Each structure stands twice: as C-alpha cells, then as structure tokens.
Amino acid sequence: MAAVLSPVLDLTPHIAAIEAQLGGLDAALLAQDAQAIESCSQDLHRALADALAAFRHAGPDAMTPKLRQQLLLAQARVMGQQSTVRKAAMSIERTLGMLLPQEASSTYSALAPRSGQMAVNAYRA
C-alpha cells in the first residue's frame, strides 16, 4: 500500500497578494491618507492571515528559495514602513508638545530653567 502524498501548494499568489498590499500601504503612507492607511493595513493583515494559513497547509517543499527571498524583501518593506510610522508619530508628539506644553509643577522641574541660567551666569563671571 503506497502512502498518499499531499500535493505541494503554490504559495506564489499569496506572496504576490502580500506584495500588492504593501504597495498599497506605501502609496497611502506617501499620500498621508489616514483612511487609506487604515484600509490598506486591514487588507495587508488579511493577506498575511491567508498566507499563513496557506503556509500551514503547504507541503514541506512549498517554500522555494525564490519565495523565501520575496518574503525577506517584504519583511524589509514592512520594517521601513514601521520606521516611517514611528518617525511620523514622534513628529506629531513633538509638535503637540510645543503646542500644549506641560504645566510647570511645584517640584524640582520648576527650578531647572533657573539653575541652568545660574550655571551660565557663573560661567560668564
């Protein structure tokens, strides 16, 4: 009795879907369109979930070196997008910090500007 081998699934369409969603997210980030970013992020999440399910059902030989390389490139793109989002968030945080400065407290932080100025004056003397 011969063992029945499961067919090797073609993962190429799943990788292509991930790449397409990353391209859409790149465009949305470039356009700074919050709604498009949200929509593309959700689409990318679905594409990743579909790909993960396909990878789980694929045969052991389904991951070719070419597909592995494509996934590594996709990972690099995601890391670049994360960096872009972090930079934007930090920029927004800095801007909000300038627009809405924190109230001075009655603790040592209120003394900091004066002590710094005193040090400058002492240096000049």
PDB file of N, CA and C in Angstrom:
ATOM      1  N   MET A   1       0.836  -1.163   0.000  1.00  0.00           N
ATOM      2  CA  MET A   1       0.000   0.000   0.000  1.00  0.00           C
ATOM      3  C   MET A   1       0.891   1.240   0.000  1.00  0.00           C
ATOM      4  N   ALA A   2       0.721   2.089  -0.967  1.00  0.00           N
ATOM      5  CA  ALA A   2       1.546   3.289  -1.114  1.00  0.00           C
ATOM      6  C   ALA A   2       0.970   4.426  -0.285  1.00  0.00           C
ATOM      7  N   ALA A   3       1.872   5.199   0.301  1.00  0.00           N
ATOM      8  CA  ALA A   3       1.443   6.357   1.091  1.00  0.00           C
ATOM      9  C   ALA A   3       0.979   7.457   0.147  1.00  0.00           C
ATOM     10  N   VAL A   4      -0.080   8.118   0.531  1.00  0.00           N
ATOM     11  CA  VAL A   4      -0.612   9.213  -0.273  1.00  0.00           C
ATOM     12  C   VAL A   4       0.096  10.489   0.153  1.00  0.00           C
ATOM     13  N   LEU A   5       0.739  11.123  -0.799  1.00  0.00           N
ATOM     14  CA  LEU A   5       1.445  12.366  -0.515  1.00  0.00           C
ATOM     15  C   LEU A   5       0.516  13.546  -0.761  1.00  0.00           C
ATOM     16  N   SER A   6       0.571  14.519   0.124  1.00  0.00           N
ATOM     17  CA  SER A   6      -0.252  15.709  -0.092  1.00  0.00           C
ATOM     18  C   SER A   6       0.413  16.569  -1.158  1.00  0.00           C
ATOM     19  N   PRO A   7      -0.391  17.164  -2.019  1.00  0.00           N
ATOM     20  CA  PRO A   7       0.196  17.980  -3.075  1.00  0.00           C
ATOM     21  C   PRO A   7       0.834  19.237  -2.500  1.00  0.00           C
ATOM     22  N   VAL A   8       1.862  19.700  -3.164  1.00  0.00           N
ATOM     23  CA  VAL A   8       2.530  20.926  -2.750  1.00  0.00           C
ATOM     24  C   VAL A   8       1.714  22.103  -3.263  1.00  0.00           C
ATOM     25  N   LEU A   9       1.311  22.965  -2.345  1.00  0.00           N
ATOM     26  CA  LEU A   9       0.541  24.141  -2.720  1.00  0.00           C
ATOM     27  C   LEU A   9       1.454  25.216  -3.286  1.00  0.00           C
ATOM     28  N   ASP A  10       0.953  25.944  -4.265  1.00  0.00           N
ATOM     29  CA  ASP A  10       1.704  27.058  -4.836  1.00  0.00           C
ATOM     30  C   ASP A  10       1.456  28.284  -3.965  1.00  0.00           C
ATOM     31  N   LEU A  11       2.490  28.768  -3.326  1.00  0.00           N
ATOM     32  CA  LEU A  11       2.378  29.914  -2.427  1.00  0.00           C
ATOM     33  C   LEU A  11       2.601  31.244  -3.134  1.00  0.00           C
ATOM     34  N   THR A  12       2.951  31.205  -4.392  1.00  0.00           N
ATOM     35  CA  THR A  12       3.254  32.420  -5.143  1.00  0.00           C
ATOM     36  C   THR A  12       2.113  33.437  -5.107  1.00  0.00           C
ATOM     37  N   PRO A  13       0.848  33.022  -5.311  1.00  0.00           N
ATOM     38  CA  PRO A  13      -0.232  34.025  -5.268  1.00  0.00           C
ATOM     39  C   PRO A  13      -0.351  34.712  -3.906  1.00  0.00           C
ATOM     40  N   HIS A  14      -0.050  33.990  -2.847  1.00  0.00           N
ATOM     41  CA  HIS A  14      -0.134  34.577  -1.506  1.00  0.00           C
ATOM     42  C   HIS A  14       0.974  35.611  -1.297  1.00  0.00           C
ATOM     43  N   ILE A  15       2.155  35.302  -1.789  1.00  0.00           N
ATOM     44  CA  ILE A  15       3.264  36.253  -1.689  1.00  0.00           C
ATOM     45  C   ILE A  15       2.953  37.481  -2.541  1.00  0.00           C
ATOM     46  N   ALA A  16       2.405  37.268  -3.720  1.00  0.00           N
ATOM     47  CA  ALA A  16       2.041  38.387  -4.604  1.00  0.00           C
ATOM     48  C   ALA A  16       0.979  39.266  -3.949  1.00  0.00           C
ATOM     49  N   ALA A  17       0.029  38.655  -3.245  1.00  0.00           N
ATOM     50  CA  ALA A  17      -1.004  39.431  -2.556  1.00  0.00           C
ATOM     51  C   ALA A  17      -0.401  40.290  -1.450  1.00  0.00           C
ATOM     52  N   ILE A  18       0.552  39.727  -0.719  1.00  0.00           N
ATOM     53  CA  ILE A  18       1.226  40.496   0.338  1.00  0.00           C
ATOM     54  C   ILE A  18       1.976  41.667  -0.278  1.00  0.00           C
ATOM     55  N   GLU A  19       2.704  41.415  -1.361  1.00  0.00           N
ATOM     56  CA  GLU A  19       3.455  42.477  -2.020  1.00  0.00           C
ATOM     57  C   GLU A  19       2.529  43.570  -2.545  1.00  0.00           C
ATOM     58  N   ALA A  20       1.382  43.176  -3.091  1.00  0.00           N
ATOM     59  CA  ALA A  20       0.424  44.161  -3.602  1.00  0.00           C
ATOM     60  C   ALA A  20      -0.126  45.018  -2.462  1.00  0.00           C
ATOM     61  N   GLN A  21      -0.422  44.398  -1.331  1.00  0.00           N
ATOM     62  CA  GLN A  21      -0.939  45.156  -0.197  1.00  0.00           C
ATOM     63  C   GLN A  21       0.130  46.085   0.388  1.00  0.00           C
ATOM     64  N   LEU A  22       1.372  45.638   0.379  1.00  0.00           N
ATOM     65  CA  LEU A  22       2.464  46.505   0.834  1.00  0.00           C
ATOM     66  C   LEU A  22       2.604  47.711  -0.086  1.00  0.00           C
ATOM     67  N   GLY A  23       2.430  47.488  -1.390  1.00  0.00           N
ATOM     68  CA  GLY A  23       2.477  48.603  -2.337  1.00  0.00           C
ATOM     69  C   GLY A  23       1.364  49.606  -2.081  1.00  0.00           C
ATOM     70  N   GLY A  24       0.170  49.105  -1.798  1.00  0.00           N
ATOM     71  CA  GLY A  24      -0.946  49.990  -1.475  1.00  0.00           C
ATOM     72  C   GLY A  24      -0.693  50.773  -0.202  1.00  0.00           C
ATOM     73  N   LEU A  25      -0.110  50.114   0.786  1.00  0.00           N
ATOM     74  CA  LEU A  25       0.200  50.791   2.043  1.00  0.00           C
ATOM     75  C   LEU A  25       1.298  51.832   1.837  1.00  0.00           C
ATOM     76  N   ASP A  26       2.286  51.529   1.006  1.00  0.00           N
ATOM     77  CA  ASP A  26       3.320  52.515   0.673  1.00  0.00           C
ATOM     78  C   ASP A  26       2.684  53.782   0.093  1.00  0.00           C
ATOM     79  N   ALA A  27       1.765  53.593  -0.851  1.00  0.00           N
ATOM     80  CA  ALA A  27       1.103  54.724  -1.501  1.00  0.00           C
ATOM     81  C   ALA A  27       0.270  55.517  -0.495  1.00  0.00           C
ATOM     82  N   ALA A  28      -0.430  54.829   0.388  1.00  0.00           N
ATOM     83  CA  ALA A  28      -1.253  55.509   1.387  1.00  0.00           C
ATOM     84  C   ALA A  28      -0.390  56.298   2.365  1.00  0.00           C
ATOM     85  N   LEU A  29       0.747  55.714   2.774  1.00  0.00           N
ATOM     86  CA  LEU A  29       1.660  56.431   3.665  1.00  0.00           C
ATOM     87  C   LEU A  29       2.236  57.660   2.980  1.00  0.00           C
ATOM     88  N   LEU A  30       2.586  57.523   1.713  1.00  0.00           N
ATOM     89  CA  LEU A  30       3.133  58.647   0.959  1.00  0.00           C
ATOM     90  C   LEU A  30       2.107  59.760   0.829  1.00  0.00           C
ATOM     91  N   ALA A  31       0.858  59.391   0.607  1.00  0.00           N
ATOM     92  CA  ALA A  31      -0.219  60.380   0.461  1.00  0.00           C
ATOM     93  C   ALA A  31      -0.683  60.923   1.811  1.00  0.00           C
ATOM     94  N   GLN A  32      -0.227  60.319   2.894  1.00  0.00           N
ATOM     95  CA  GLN A  32      -0.624  60.690   4.246  1.00  0.00           C
ATOM     96  C   GLN A  32      -2.144  60.681   4.401  1.00  0.00           C
ATOM     97  N   ASP A  33      -2.769  59.662   3.811  1.00  0.00           N
ATOM     98  CA  ASP A  33      -4.217  59.492   3.839  1.00  0.00           C
ATOM     99  C   ASP A  33      -4.565  58.494   4.936  1.00  0.00           C
ATOM    100  N   ALA A  34      -5.060  59.000   6.067  1.00  0.00           N
ATOM    101  CA  ALA A  34      -5.314  58.151   7.239  1.00  0.00           C
ATOM    102  C   ALA A  34      -6.320  57.044   6.941  1.00  0.00           C
ATOM    103  N   GLN A  35      -7.380  57.358   6.203  1.00  0.00           N
ATOM    104  CA  GLN A  35      -8.383  56.338   5.897  1.00  0.00           C
ATOM    105  C   GLN A  35      -7.802  55.250   4.999  1.00  0.00           C
ATOM    106  N   ALA A  36      -7.014  55.655   4.013  1.00  0.00           N
ATOM    107  CA  ALA A  36      -6.393  54.680   3.120  1.00  0.00           C
ATOM    108  C   ALA A  36      -5.374  53.833   3.875  1.00  0.00           C
ATOM    109  N   ILE A  37      -4.644  54.449   4.797  1.00  0.00           N
ATOM    110  CA  ILE A  37      -3.668  53.703   5.604  1.00  0.00           C
ATOM    111  C   ILE A  37      -4.386  52.636   6.420  1.00  0.00           C
ATOM    112  N   GLU A  38      -5.498  53.016   7.040  1.00  0.00           N
ATOM    113  CA  GLU A  38      -6.269  52.054   7.839  1.00  0.00           C
ATOM    114  C   GLU A  38      -6.799  50.921   6.965  1.00  0.00           C
ATOM    115  N   SER A  39      -7.357  51.267   5.827  1.00  0.00           N
ATOM    116  CA  SER A  39      -7.913  50.262   4.916  1.00  0.00           C
ATOM    117  C   SER A  39      -6.828  49.330   4.393  1.00  0.00           C
ATOM    118  N   CYS A  40      -5.716  49.904   3.971  1.00  0.00           N
ATOM    119  CA  CYS A  40      -4.609  49.092   3.449  1.00  0.00           C
ATOM    120  C   CYS A  40      -4.013  48.207   4.540  1.00  0.00           C
ATOM    121  N   SER A  41      -3.953  48.715   5.751  1.00  0.00           N
ATOM    122  CA  SER A  41      -3.435  47.917   6.867  1.00  0.00           C
ATOM    123  C   SER A  41      -4.310  46.703   7.119  1.00  0.00           C
ATOM    124  N   GLN A  42      -5.625  46.909   7.067  1.00  0.00           N
ATOM    125  CA  GLN A  42      -6.545  45.791   7.259  1.00  0.00           C
ATOM    126  C   GLN A  42      -6.427  44.780   6.117  1.00  0.00           C
ATOM    127  N   ASP A  43      -6.304  45.284   4.884  1.00  0.00           N
ATOM    128  CA  ASP A  43      -6.137  44.391   3.731  1.00  0.00           C
ATOM    129  C   ASP A  43      -4.841  43.598   3.839  1.00  0.00           C
ATOM    130  N   LEU A  44      -3.781  44.259   4.271  1.00  0.00           N
ATOM    131  CA  LEU A  44      -2.499  43.583   4.455  1.00  0.00           C
ATOM    132  C   LEU A  44      -2.614  42.517   5.543  1.00  0.00           C
ATOM    133  N   HIS A  45      -3.297  42.835   6.606  1.00  0.00           N
ATOM    134  CA  HIS A  45      -3.484  41.868   7.688  1.00  0.00           C
ATOM    135  C   HIS A  45      -4.213  40.618   7.175  1.00  0.00           C
ATOM    136  N   ARG A  46      -5.250  40.828   6.363  1.00  0.00           N
ATOM    137  CA  ARG A  46      -5.986  39.689   5.796  1.00  0.00           C
ATOM    138  C   ARG A  46      -5.090  38.867   4.864  1.00  0.00           C
ATOM    139  N   ALA A  47      -4.301  39.560   4.034  1.00  0.00           N
ATOM    140  CA  ALA A  47      -3.405  38.855   3.117  1.00  0.00           C
ATOM    141  C   ALA A  47      -2.373  38.034   3.891  1.00  0.00           C
ATOM    142  N   LEU A  48      -1.874  38.585   4.975  1.00  0.00           N
ATOM    143  CA  LEU A  48      -0.919  37.855   5.809  1.00  0.00           C
ATOM    144  C   LEU A  48      -1.568  36.649   6.472  1.00  0.00           C
ATOM    145  N   ALA A  49      -2.795  36.812   6.957  1.00  0.00           N
ATOM    146  CA  ALA A  49      -3.507  35.690   7.587  1.00  0.00           C
ATOM    147  C   ALA A  49      -3.773  34.585   6.564  1.00  0.00           C
ATOM    148  N   ASP A  50      -4.187  34.981   5.350  1.00  0.00           N
ATOM    149  CA  ASP A  50      -4.423  33.990   4.294  1.00  0.00           C
ATOM    150  C   ASP A  50      -3.121  33.262   3.941  1.00  0.00           C
ATOM    151  N   ALA A  51      -2.045  34.017   3.843  1.00  0.00           N
ATOM    152  CA  ALA A  51      -0.756  33.409   3.512  1.00  0.00           C
ATOM    153  C   ALA A  51      -0.310  32.451   4.613  1.00  0.00           C
ATOM    154  N   LEU A  52      -0.513  32.845   5.852  1.00  0.00           N
ATOM    155  CA  LEU A  52      -0.127  31.984   6.973  1.00  0.00           C
ATOM    156  C   LEU A  52      -0.904  30.673   6.938  1.00  0.00           C
ATOM    157  N   ALA A  53      -2.192  30.766   6.649  1.00  0.00           N
ATOM    158  CA  ALA A  53      -3.000  29.544   6.550  1.00  0.00           C
ATOM    159  C   ALA A  53      -2.503  28.669   5.406  1.00  0.00           C
ATOM    160  N   ALA A  54      -2.172  29.281   4.288  1.00  0.00           N
ATOM    161  CA  ALA A  54      -1.674  28.519   3.137  1.00  0.00           C
ATOM    162  C   ALA A  54      -0.326  27.875   3.462  1.00  0.00           C
ATOM    163  N   PHE A  55       0.538  28.596   4.169  1.00  0.00           N
ATOM    164  CA  PHE A  55       1.846  28.051   4.536  1.00  0.00           C
ATOM    165  C   PHE A  55       1.684  26.847   5.457  1.00  0.00           C
ATOM    166  N   ARG A  56       0.700  26.912   6.339  1.00  0.00           N
ATOM    167  CA  ARG A  56       0.471  25.789   7.259  1.00  0.00           C
ATOM    168  C   ARG A  56      -0.003  24.544   6.527  1.00  0.00           C
ATOM    169  N   HIS A  57      -0.765  24.737   5.436  1.00  0.00           N
ATOM    170  CA  HIS A  57      -1.299  23.608   4.686  1.00  0.00           C
ATOM    171  C   HIS A  57      -0.385  23.161   3.542  1.00  0.00           C
ATOM    172  N   ALA A  58       0.611  23.957   3.254  1.00  0.00           N
ATOM    173  CA  ALA A  58       1.511  23.632   2.141  1.00  0.00           C
ATOM    174  C   ALA A  58       2.423  22.468   2.509  1.00  0.00           C
ATOM    175  N   GLY A  59       2.873  21.829   1.491  1.00  0.00           N
ATOM    176  CA  GLY A  59       3.828  20.751   1.705  1.00  0.00           C
ATOM    177  C   GLY A  59       5.175  21.310   2.120  1.00  0.00           C
ATOM    178  N   PRO A  60       6.055  20.451   2.614  1.00  0.00           N
ATOM    179  CA  PRO A  60       7.359  20.914   3.104  1.00  0.00           C
ATOM    180  C   PRO A  60       8.239  21.515   2.005  1.00  0.00           C
ATOM    181  N   ASP A  61       7.965  21.180   0.764  1.00  0.00           N
ATOM    182  CA  ASP A  61       8.789  21.711  -0.324  1.00  0.00           C
ATOM    183  C   ASP A  61       8.201  22.972  -0.946  1.00  0.00           C
ATOM    184  N   ALA A  62       7.157  23.514  -0.358  1.00  0.00           N
ATOM    185  CA  ALA A  62       6.479  24.676  -0.945  1.00  0.00           C
ATOM    186  C   ALA A  62       7.319  25.944  -0.849  1.00  0.00           C
ATOM    187  N   MET A  63       8.158  26.043   0.168  1.00  0.00           N
ATOM    188  CA  MET A  63       8.962  27.253   0.342  1.00  0.00           C
ATOM    189  C   MET A  63      10.248  27.129  -0.469  1.00  0.00           C
ATOM    190  N   THR A  64      10.220  27.704  -1.634  1.00  0.00           N
ATOM    191  CA  THR A  64      11.390  27.683  -2.508  1.00  0.00           C
ATOM    192  C   THR A  64      12.330  28.824  -2.124  1.00  0.00           C
ATOM    193  N   PRO A  65      13.570  28.764  -2.543  1.00  0.00           N
ATOM    194  CA  PRO A  65      14.484  29.872  -2.257  1.00  0.00           C
ATOM    195  C   PRO A  65      13.970  31.204  -2.821  1.00  0.00           C
ATOM    196  N   LYS A  66      13.318  31.161  -3.978  1.00  0.00           N
ATOM    197  CA  LYS A  66      12.785  32.401  -4.561  1.00  0.00           C
ATOM    198  C   LYS A  66      11.686  32.985  -3.670  1.00  0.00           C
ATOM    199  N   LEU A  67      10.784  32.157  -3.175  1.00  0.00           N
ATOM    200  CA  LEU A  67       9.721  32.633  -2.284  1.00  0.00           C
ATOM    201  C   LEU A  67      10.304  33.142  -0.970  1.00  0.00           C
ATOM    202  N   ARG A  68      11.307  32.458  -0.462  1.00  0.00           N
ATOM    203  CA  ARG A  68      11.970  32.899   0.767  1.00  0.00           C
ATOM    204  C   ARG A  68      12.571  34.300   0.571  1.00  0.00           C
ATOM    205  N   GLN A  69      13.196  34.519  -0.583  1.00  0.00           N
ATOM    206  CA  GLN A  69      13.784  35.828  -0.878  1.00  0.00           C
ATOM    207  C   GLN A  69      12.698  36.898  -0.964  1.00  0.00           C
ATOM    208  N   GLN A  70      11.574  36.563  -1.599  1.00  0.00           N
ATOM    209  CA  GLN A  70      10.473  37.516  -1.703  1.00  0.00           C
ATOM    210  C   GLN A  70       9.924  37.876  -0.324  1.00  0.00           C
ATOM    211  N   LEU A  71       9.834  36.883   0.557  1.00  0.00           N
ATOM    212  CA  LEU A  71       9.360  37.156   1.913  1.00  0.00           C
ATOM    213  C   LEU A  71      10.340  38.025   2.689  1.00  0.00           C
ATOM    214  N   LEU A  72      11.620  37.805   2.490  1.00  0.00           N
ATOM    215  CA  LEU A  72      12.619  38.639   3.157  1.00  0.00           C
ATOM    216  C   LEU A  72      12.532  40.086   2.672  1.00  0.00           C
ATOM    217  N   LEU A  73      12.311  40.272   1.380  1.00  0.00           N
ATOM    218  CA  LEU A  73      12.136  41.624   0.852  1.00  0.00           C
ATOM    219  C   LEU A  73      10.863  42.269   1.402  1.00  0.00           C
ATOM    220  N   ALA A  74       9.798  41.494   1.499  1.00  0.00           N
ATOM    221  CA  ALA A  74       8.548  42.008   2.078  1.00  0.00           C
ATOM    222  C   ALA A  74       8.762  42.402   3.536  1.00  0.00           C
ATOM    223  N   GLN A  75       9.518  41.601   4.267  1.00  0.00           N
ATOM    224  CA  GLN A  75       9.816  41.919   5.661  1.00  0.00           C
ATOM    225  C   GLN A  75      10.587  43.236   5.757  1.00  0.00           C
ATOM    226  N   ALA A  76      11.540  43.450   4.861  1.00  0.00           N
ATOM    227  CA  ALA A  76      12.305  44.698   4.856  1.00  0.00           C
ATOM    228  C   ALA A  76      11.383  45.891   4.569  1.00  0.00           C
ATOM    229  N   ARG A  77      10.430  45.709   3.663  1.00  0.00           N
ATOM    230  CA  ARG A  77       9.475  46.781   3.367  1.00  0.00           C
ATOM    231  C   ARG A  77       8.626  47.114   4.583  1.00  0.00           C
ATOM    232  N   VAL A  78       8.185  46.087   5.293  1.00  0.00           N
ATOM    233  CA  VAL A  78       7.377  46.306   6.493  1.00  0.00           C
ATOM    234  C   VAL A  78       8.186  47.067   7.538  1.00  0.00           C
ATOM    235  N   MET A  79       9.438  46.697   7.703  1.00  0.00           N
ATOM    236  CA  MET A  79      10.294  47.381   8.667  1.00  0.00           C
ATOM    237  C   MET A  79      10.481  48.842   8.281  1.00  0.00           C
ATOM    238  N   GLY A  80      10.612  49.121   6.993  1.00  0.00           N
ATOM    239  CA  GLY A  80      10.707  50.500   6.530  1.00  0.00           C
ATOM    240  C   GLY A  80       9.435  51.274   6.794  1.00  0.00           C
ATOM    241  N   GLN A  81       8.297  50.630   6.590  1.00  0.00           N
ATOM    242  CA  GLN A  81       7.019  51.282   6.857  1.00  0.00           C
ATOM    243  C   GLN A  81       6.854  51.553   8.352  1.00  0.00           C
ATOM    244  N   GLN A  82       7.269  50.616   9.174  1.00  0.00           N
ATOM    245  CA  GLN A  82       7.192  50.824  10.619  1.00  0.00           C
ATOM    246  C   GLN A  82       8.047  52.020  11.032  1.00  0.00           C
ATOM    247  N   SER A  83       9.215  52.139  10.436  1.00  0.00           N
ATOM    248  CA  SER A  83      10.090  53.257  10.734  1.00  0.00           C
ATOM    249  C   SER A  83       9.439  54.577  10.323  1.00  0.00           C
ATOM    250  N   THR A  84       8.800  54.592   9.169  1.00  0.00           N
ATOM    251  CA  THR A  84       8.113  55.788   8.703  1.00  0.00           C
ATOM    252  C   THR A  84       7.006  56.191   9.670  1.00  0.00           C
ATOM    253  N   VAL A  85       6.242  55.217  10.120  1.00  0.00           N
ATOM    254  CA  VAL A  85       5.146  55.498  11.053  1.00  0.00           C
ATOM    255  C   VAL A  85       5.696  56.000  12.387  1.00  0.00           C
ATOM    256  N   ARG A  86       6.781  55.394  12.868  1.00  0.00           N
ATOM    257  CA  ARG A  86       7.384  55.848  14.134  1.00  0.00           C
ATOM    258  C   ARG A  86       7.875  57.284  14.018  1.00  0.00           C
ATOM    259  N   LYS A  87       8.515  57.614  12.899  1.00  0.00           N
ATOM    260  CA  LYS A  87       9.003  58.985  12.709  1.00  0.00           C
ATOM    261  C   LYS A  87       7.847  59.974  12.670  1.00  0.00           C
ATOM    262  N   ALA A  88       6.772  59.610  11.997  1.00  0.00           N
ATOM    263  CA  ALA A  88       5.600  60.488  11.934  1.00  0.00           C
ATOM    264  C   ALA A  88       5.000  60.675  13.323  1.00  0.00           C
ATOM    265  N   ALA A  89       4.916  59.596  14.087  1.00  0.00           N
ATOM    266  CA  ALA A  89       4.356  59.679  15.438  1.00  0.00           C
ATOM    267  C   ALA A  89       5.222  60.566  16.331  1.00  0.00           C
ATOM    268  N   MET A  90       6.546  60.446  16.223  1.00  0.00           N
ATOM    269  CA  MET A  90       7.434  61.282  17.021  1.00  0.00           C
ATOM    270  C   MET A  90       7.304  62.748  16.613  1.00  0.00           C
ATOM    271  N   SER A  91       7.150  63.001  15.327  1.00  0.00           N
ATOM    272  CA  SER A  91       6.977  64.371  14.852  1.00  0.00           C
ATOM    273  C   SER A  91       5.688  64.974  15.399  1.00  0.00           C
ATOM    274  N   ILE A  92       4.625  64.194  15.368  1.00  0.00           N
ATOM    275  CA  ILE A  92       3.348  64.660  15.907  1.00  0.00           C
ATOM    276  C   ILE A  92       3.469  64.918  17.401  1.00  0.00           C
ATOM    277  N   GLU A  93       4.148  64.025  18.089  1.00  0.00           N
ATOM    278  CA  GLU A  93       4.329  64.181  19.529  1.00  0.00           C
ATOM    279  C   GLU A  93       5.116  65.453  19.857  1.00  0.00           C
ATOM    280  N   ARG A  94       6.177  65.719  19.079  1.00  0.00           N
ATOM    281  CA  ARG A  94       6.956  66.943  19.305  1.00  0.00           C
ATOM    282  C   ARG A  94       6.110  68.182  19.050  1.00  0.00           C
ATOM    283  N   THR A  95       5.340  68.158  17.965  1.00  0.00           N
ATOM    284  CA  THR A  95       4.500  69.302  17.639  1.00  0.00           C
ATOM    285  C   THR A  95       3.462  69.537  18.730  1.00  0.00           C
ATOM    286  N   LEU A  96       2.820  68.476  19.180  1.00  0.00           N
ATOM    287  CA  LEU A  96       1.841  68.621  20.255  1.00  0.00           C
ATOM    288  C   LEU A  96       2.498  69.105  21.543  1.00  0.00           C
ATOM    289  N   GLY A  97       3.704  68.661  21.787  1.00  0.00           N
ATOM    290  CA  GLY A  97       4.435  69.113  22.965  1.00  0.00           C
ATOM    291  C   GLY A  97       4.723  70.600  22.924  1.00  0.00           C
ATOM    292  N   MET A  98       4.976  71.134  21.736  1.00  0.00           N
ATOM    293  CA  MET A  98       5.203  72.571  21.610  1.00  0.00           C
ATOM    294  C   MET A  98       3.898  73.352  21.709  1.00  0.00           C
ATOM    295  N   LEU A  99       2.840  72.792  21.139  1.00  0.00           N
ATOM    296  CA  LEU A  99       1.548  73.476  21.164  1.00  0.00           C
ATOM    297  C   LEU A  99       0.883  73.406  22.534  1.00  0.00           C
ATOM    298  N   LEU A 100       1.095  72.306  23.220  1.00  0.00           N
ATOM    299  CA  LEU A 100       0.466  72.085  24.522  1.00  0.00           C
ATOM    300  C   LEU A 100       1.534  71.764  25.560  1.00  0.00           C
ATOM    301  N   PRO A 101       2.310  72.766  25.965  1.00  0.00           N
ATOM    302  CA  PRO A 101       3.373  72.479  26.937  1.00  0.00           C
ATOM    303  C   PRO A 101       2.766  72.027  28.265  1.00  0.00           C
ATOM    304  N   GLN A 102       3.509  71.175  28.938  1.00  0.00           N
ATOM    305  CA  GLN A 102       3.042  70.691  30.224  1.00  0.00           C
ATOM    306  C   GLN A 102       3.143  71.821  31.239  1.00  0.00           C
ATOM    307  N   GLU A 103       2.208  71.813  32.160  1.00  0.00           N
ATOM    308  CA  GLU A 103       2.203  72.843  33.190  1.00  0.00           C
ATOM    309  C   GLU A 103       3.391  72.642  34.116  1.00  0.00           C
ATOM    310  N   ALA A 104       3.949  73.766  34.548  1.00  0.00           N
ATOM    311  CA  ALA A 104       5.066  73.688  35.485  1.00  0.00           C
ATOM    312  C   ALA A 104       4.545  73.174  36.818  1.00  0.00           C
ATOM    313  N   SER A 105       5.277  72.282  37.398  1.00  0.00           N
ATOM    314  CA  SER A 105       4.866  71.738  38.684  1.00  0.00           C
ATOM    315  C   SER A 105       5.629  72.444  39.799  1.00  0.00           C
ATOM    316  N   SER A 106       5.233  72.181  41.006  1.00  0.00           N
ATOM    317  CA  SER A 106       5.875  72.807  42.149  1.00  0.00           C
ATOM    318  C   SER A 106       7.069  71.996  42.637  1.00  0.00           C
ATOM    319  N   THR A 107       7.515  71.042  41.860  1.00  0.00           N
ATOM    320  CA  THR A 107       8.652  70.218  42.263  1.00  0.00           C
ATOM    321  C   THR A 107       9.935  70.783  41.668  1.00  0.00           C
ATOM    322  N   TYR A 108      10.945  69.979  41.604  1.00  0.00           N
ATOM    323  CA  TYR A 108      12.256  70.419  41.154  1.00  0.00           C
ATOM    324  C   TYR A 108      12.290  70.846  39.693  1.00  0.00           C
ATOM    325  N   SER A 109      11.342  70.371  38.881  1.00  0.00           N
ATOM    326  CA  SER A 109      11.373  70.731  37.470  1.00  0.00           C
ATOM    327  C   SER A 109      11.188  72.225  37.276  1.00  0.00           C
ATOM    328  N   ALA A 110      10.518  72.896  38.217  1.00  0.00           N
ATOM    329  CA  ALA A 110      10.338  74.342  38.111  1.00  0.00           C
ATOM    330  C   ALA A 110      11.661  75.061  38.329  1.00  0.00           C
ATOM    331  N   LEU A 111      12.591  74.439  39.030  1.00  0.00           N
ATOM    332  CA  LEU A 111      13.887  75.060  39.301  1.00  0.00           C
ATOM    333  C   LEU A 111      14.878  74.875  38.160  1.00  0.00           C
ATOM    334  N   ALA A 112      14.636  73.965  37.288  1.00  0.00           N
ATOM    335  CA  ALA A 112      15.594  73.622  36.243  1.00  0.00           C
ATOM    336  C   ALA A 112      15.963  74.803  35.355  1.00  0.00           C
ATOM    337  N   PRO A 113      15.030  75.599  34.840  1.00  0.00           N
ATOM    338  CA  PRO A 113      15.446  76.712  33.994  1.00  0.00           C
ATOM    339  C   PRO A 113      16.308  77.722  34.745  1.00  0.00           C
ATOM    340  N   ARG A 114      15.973  77.992  35.997  1.00  0.00           N
ATOM    341  CA  ARG A 114      16.761  78.959  36.763  1.00  0.00           C
ATOM    342  C   ARG A 114      18.145  78.416  37.088  1.00  0.00           C
ATOM    343  N   SER A 115      18.231  77.139  37.443  1.00  0.00           N
ATOM    344  CA  SER A 115      19.542  76.583  37.792  1.00  0.00           C
ATOM    345  C   SER A 115      20.428  76.528  36.556  1.00  0.00           C
ATOM    346  N   GLY A 116      19.843  76.255  35.409  1.00  0.00           N
ATOM    347  CA  GLY A 116      20.611  76.271  34.162  1.00  0.00           C
ATOM    348  C   GLY A 116      21.113  77.665  33.852  1.00  0.00           C
ATOM    349  N   GLN A 117      20.263  78.653  34.050  1.00  0.00           N
ATOM    350  CA  GLN A 117      20.665  80.045  33.811  1.00  0.00           C
ATOM    351  C   GLN A 117      21.733  80.463  34.810  1.00  0.00           C
ATOM    352  N   MET A 118      21.621  80.004  36.051  1.00  0.00           N
ATOM    353  CA  MET A 118      22.620  80.334  37.060  1.00  0.00           C
ATOM    354  C   MET A 118      23.972  79.755  36.668  1.00  0.00           C
ATOM    355  N   ALA A 119      23.977  78.564  36.105  1.00  0.00           N
ATOM    356  CA  ALA A 119      25.233  77.946  35.679  1.00  0.00           C
ATOM    357  C   ALA A 119      25.867  78.735  34.550  1.00  0.00           C
ATOM    358  N   VAL A 120      25.045  79.211  33.612  1.00  0.00           N
ATOM    359  CA  VAL A 120      25.560  80.026  32.511  1.00  0.00           C
ATOM    360  C   VAL A 120      26.135  81.332  33.051  1.00  0.00           C
ATOM    361  N   ASN A 121      25.424  81.952  33.963  1.00  0.00           N
ATOM    362  CA  ASN A 121      25.918  83.217  34.552  1.00  0.00           C
ATOM    363  C   ASN A 121      27.216  82.985  35.313  1.00  0.00           C
ATOM    364  N   ALA A 122      27.332  81.892  36.034  1.00  0.00           N
ATOM    365  CA  ALA A 122      28.554  81.592  36.775  1.00  0.00           C
ATOM    366  C   ALA A 122      29.709  81.368  35.815  1.00  0.00           C
ATOM    367  N   TYR A 123      29.454  80.755  34.698  1.00  0.00           N
ATOM    368  CA  TYR A 123      30.498  80.512  33.698  1.00  0.00           C
ATOM    369  C   TYR A 123      31.001  81.821  33.122  1.00  0.00           C
ATOM    370  N   ARG A 124      30.093  82.756  32.861  1.00  0.00           N
ATOM    371  CA  ARG A 124      30.456  84.046  32.288  1.00  0.00           C
ATOM    372  C   ARG A 124      31.283  84.895  33.254  1.00  0.00           C
ATOM    373  N   ALA A 125      31.066  84.702  34.547  1.00  0.00           N
ATOM    374  CA  ALA A 125      31.729  85.544  35.539  1.00  0.00           C
ATOM    375  C   ALA A 125      33.179  85.232  35.716  1.00  0.00           C
TER     376      ALA A 125
END
